[in-house]
Amino acid sequence: MVGHRGASGYRPEHTLPAYALAIDRCAEYIEPDLVSTKDGVLVARHENEISGTTDVAERAEFAARQTTKTVDGDAITGWFTEDFTLAEPKTLRAQERIPAVRPADTAYDGRFEVPTLQEVIDLARSRPAHDRGVLADRCRPAIWGDGVHLPAGSPAARRRQPAPGRGRHHVPRRWRAQLYDAERKSIEAL
């Protein structure tokens, strides 16, 4: 069983409490969708435009960051993760993405921060289980150019540890992680 975006419908998606609840409800894998910050840190959000899933639109200090970009061929006006360094979205609070469909989740609006991929991995690894993993999906990788946006010295670039002879990340026994992406060049870069 996969906890896609955590336990959506019970907690705002892409929050540590949503992932924890999915694990508590016996999800074998949790699946964060990932977008990149300006400084190359992967954070759990499905869209790089974050006004629908955070309180960014209510934050005066970020008002000047509102812009219009082309995403999947459409002009979208909002606030985009790639325009923020990690410290900035860490001050934002998550909110329910589709309150008309999941009104109970709005009770949790403003309570949880935007987690990084590393925080999601740490959560999964901290929970006792016979077999648990993370299925991470990089959303809209073309926005960051050719391949994966991992600037030299960024936390994600420093953590990459290929296993001998396989070109994959080292994953401890009894714990699995898988990164998938619709764009082959992004996967090959990892």
Protein backbone atom coordinates (compact mmCIF):
# COMPACT_ATOMS: atom_id res chain seq x y z
CA MET A 1 0.00 0.00 0.00
CA VAL A 2 1.28 3.48 -0.88
CA GLY A 3 0.49 6.62 1.12
CA HIS A 4 0.38 8.97 -1.88
CA ARG A 5 1.11 12.48 -0.58
CA GLY A 6 0.64 10.98 2.89
CA ALA A 7 -2.81 10.34 4.30
CA SER A 8 -4.61 12.84 2.09
CA GLY A 9 -8.15 13.32 3.28
CA TYR A 10 -7.05 13.11 6.91
CA ARG A 11 -4.23 15.68 7.03
CA PRO A 12 -3.07 18.31 4.52
CA GLU A 13 -1.06 16.47 1.88
CA HIS A 14 2.70 16.62 1.77
CA THR A 15 3.16 17.26 5.49
CA LEU A 16 5.06 15.11 7.97
CA PRO A 17 1.85 14.39 9.96
CA ALA A 18 0.16 13.20 6.73
CA TYR A 19 3.08 10.85 6.00
CA ALA A 20 3.18 9.65 9.63
CA LEU A 21 -0.55 8.88 9.58
CA ALA A 22 -0.14 6.95 6.31
CA ILE A 23 2.59 4.87 7.97
CA ASP A 24 0.39 4.35 11.04
CA ARG A 25 -2.35 3.11 8.73
CA CYS A 26 0.04 0.46 7.34
CA ALA A 27 1.34 2.14 4.19
CA GLU A 28 4.40 0.22 3.07
CA TYR A 29 5.59 3.22 1.07
CA ILE A 30 5.00 6.91 1.34
CA GLU A 31 5.12 8.96 -1.83
CA PRO A 32 6.18 12.58 -1.72
CA ASP A 33 6.02 14.64 -4.88
CA LEU A 34 9.08 16.87 -5.05
CA VAL A 35 9.95 20.31 -6.34
CA SER A 36 13.19 22.23 -5.94
CA THR A 37 14.00 25.40 -4.06
CA LYS A 38 16.31 28.08 -5.45
CA ASP A 39 19.21 26.57 -3.52
CA GLY A 40 18.57 23.07 -4.86
CA VAL A 41 16.83 21.44 -1.90
CA LEU A 42 13.96 19.11 -2.77
CA VAL A 43 10.77 19.84 -0.83
CA ALA A 44 7.50 17.92 -0.71
CA ARG A 45 4.91 19.75 -2.84
CA HIS A 46 3.11 18.56 -5.94
CA GLU A 47 3.15 21.91 -7.67
CA ASN A 48 6.00 24.37 -7.81
CA GLU A 49 3.33 27.10 -7.49
CA ILE A 50 2.60 27.04 -3.75
CA SER A 51 -0.23 29.51 -3.08
CA GLY A 52 -2.79 26.67 -3.09
CA THR A 53 -0.95 24.54 -0.53
CA THR A 54 0.68 27.11 1.79
CA ASP A 55 -0.06 30.46 3.40
CA VAL A 56 2.41 32.30 1.12
CA ALA A 57 -0.30 34.57 -0.33
CA GLU A 58 -1.07 35.84 3.19
CA ARG A 59 2.56 36.68 3.97
CA ALA A 60 3.43 40.34 3.35
CA GLU A 61 7.17 39.63 3.28
CA PHE A 62 6.70 37.51 0.14
CA ALA A 63 4.19 39.72 -1.73
CA ALA A 64 6.84 40.97 -4.19
CA ARG A 65 7.70 37.37 -5.17
CA GLN A 66 4.35 36.86 -6.89
CA THR A 67 5.00 36.40 -10.61
CA THR A 68 3.62 34.78 -13.73
CA LYS A 69 5.37 31.77 -15.27
CA THR A 70 4.56 29.26 -17.95
CA VAL A 71 3.97 25.81 -16.45
CA ASP A 72 3.03 22.94 -18.75
CA GLY A 73 2.14 25.50 -21.43
CA ASP A 74 -0.17 27.55 -19.21
CA ALA A 75 0.48 31.01 -17.75
CA ILE A 76 0.25 30.63 -13.96
CA THR A 77 0.41 33.55 -11.54
CA GLY A 78 1.58 32.82 -8.03
CA TRP A 79 4.60 32.04 -5.88
CA PHE A 80 7.06 29.39 -7.05
CA THR A 81 9.40 27.21 -4.99
CA GLU A 82 12.33 27.81 -7.34
CA ASP A 83 12.25 31.52 -6.37
CA PHE A 84 12.75 30.79 -2.66
CA THR A 85 15.76 29.51 -0.72
CA LEU A 86 14.92 26.68 1.68
CA ALA A 87 14.85 28.92 4.76
CA GLU A 88 11.92 30.87 3.29
CA PRO A 89 9.41 28.06 2.58
CA LYS A 90 10.31 26.55 5.95
CA THR A 91 8.54 29.58 7.50
CA LEU A 92 5.37 28.86 5.51
CA ARG A 93 2.56 26.70 6.81
CA ALA A 94 0.66 24.09 4.83
CA GLN A 95 -3.01 24.30 4.04
CA GLU A 96 -5.50 21.93 2.45
CA ARG A 97 -5.21 22.03 -1.35
CA ILE A 98 -8.84 21.16 -2.14
CA PRO A 99 -10.98 22.30 0.81
CA ALA A 100 -14.28 21.80 -1.05
CA VAL A 101 -13.49 18.08 -1.37
CA ARG A 102 -11.71 17.61 1.98
CA PRO A 103 -13.23 20.20 4.36
CA ALA A 104 -12.15 18.31 7.50
CA ASP A 105 -8.49 18.84 6.56
CA THR A 106 -8.89 22.62 6.87
CA ALA A 107 -8.88 22.17 10.66
CA TYR A 108 -5.14 21.57 10.26
CA ASP A 109 -4.41 24.61 8.07
CA GLY A 110 -1.45 26.57 9.39
CA ARG A 111 -0.16 23.85 11.72
CA PHE A 112 2.50 22.12 9.63
CA GLU A 113 5.57 23.24 7.70
CA VAL A 114 6.77 22.27 4.24
CA PRO A 115 9.06 19.24 4.67
CA THR A 116 12.23 18.50 2.75
CA LEU A 117 12.85 15.15 1.09
CA GLN A 118 15.43 14.42 3.77
CA GLU A 119 12.84 15.02 6.52
CA VAL A 120 10.42 12.63 4.79
CA ILE A 121 13.15 9.99 4.51
CA ASP A 122 14.13 10.50 8.16
CA LEU A 123 10.49 10.07 9.21
CA ALA A 124 10.13 6.82 7.26
CA ARG A 125 13.39 5.46 8.63
CA SER A 126 12.43 6.34 12.21
CA ARG A 127 9.25 4.27 12.17
CA PRO A 128 9.48 0.57 13.04
CA ALA A 129 8.46 -1.66 10.19
CA HIS A 130 9.41 -4.90 8.53
CA ASP A 131 9.44 -3.33 5.09
CA ARG A 132 9.05 0.41 4.51
CA GLY A 133 10.11 2.80 1.81
CA VAL A 134 9.79 6.14 0.10
CA LEU A 135 8.74 6.52 -3.54
CA ALA A 136 9.78 10.04 -4.48
CA ASP A 137 8.43 11.74 -7.60
CA ARG A 138 10.21 14.83 -8.98
CA CYS A 139 7.46 17.02 -10.39
CA ARG A 140 8.11 19.35 -13.29
CA PRO A 141 11.87 18.77 -13.55
CA ALA A 142 12.07 20.60 -16.89
CA ILE A 143 11.58 23.87 -15.02
CA TRP A 144 15.10 23.56 -13.64
CA GLY A 145 16.75 23.01 -17.00
CA ASP A 146 18.64 20.02 -18.32
CA GLY A 147 18.89 17.35 -15.65
CA VAL A 148 18.62 17.55 -11.90
CA HIS A 149 19.13 20.89 -10.20
CA LEU A 150 21.69 20.01 -7.53
CA PRO A 151 24.15 22.87 -7.18
CA ALA A 152 27.64 21.90 -6.06
CA GLY A 153 27.74 21.91 -2.28
CA SER A 154 23.94 21.69 -1.87
CA PRO A 155 22.72 19.22 0.78
CA ALA A 156 21.27 16.88 -1.85
CA ALA A 157 24.49 16.85 -3.88
CA ARG A 158 26.58 16.09 -0.79
CA ARG A 159 24.34 13.13 0.17
CA ARG A 160 24.55 11.27 -3.13
CA GLN A 161 26.35 7.97 -2.54
CA PRO A 162 26.25 5.55 -5.50
CA ALA A 163 26.38 1.87 -4.63
CA PRO A 164 29.42 0.08 -6.10
CA GLY A 165 28.92 -0.86 -9.74
CA ARG A 166 25.23 -0.02 -9.89
CA GLY A 167 25.06 3.77 -10.17
CA ARG A 168 22.28 3.88 -7.59
CA HIS A 169 22.01 5.46 -4.18
CA HIS A 170 23.06 3.39 -1.19
CA VAL A 171 19.93 2.20 0.61
CA PRO A 172 20.15 0.40 3.96
CA ARG A 173 18.74 -3.14 4.22
CA ARG A 174 15.04 -3.38 5.10
CA TRP A 175 14.49 0.13 3.83
CA ARG A 176 13.98 1.24 0.25
CA ALA A 177 13.88 4.52 -1.62
CA GLN A 178 12.99 5.00 -5.22
CA LEU A 179 13.06 8.20 -7.24
CA TYR A 180 11.01 8.39 -10.37
CA ASP A 181 10.65 11.13 -12.89
CA ALA A 182 8.92 11.50 -16.24
CA GLU A 183 12.09 12.89 -17.80
CA ARG A 184 14.85 10.37 -18.47
CA LYS A 185 17.69 12.96 -18.36
CA SER A 186 16.81 13.80 -14.76
CA ILE A 187 17.05 10.17 -13.64
CA GLU A 188 20.28 9.63 -15.58
CA ALA A 189 21.82 12.65 -13.85
CA LEU A 190 21.28 10.98 -10.49
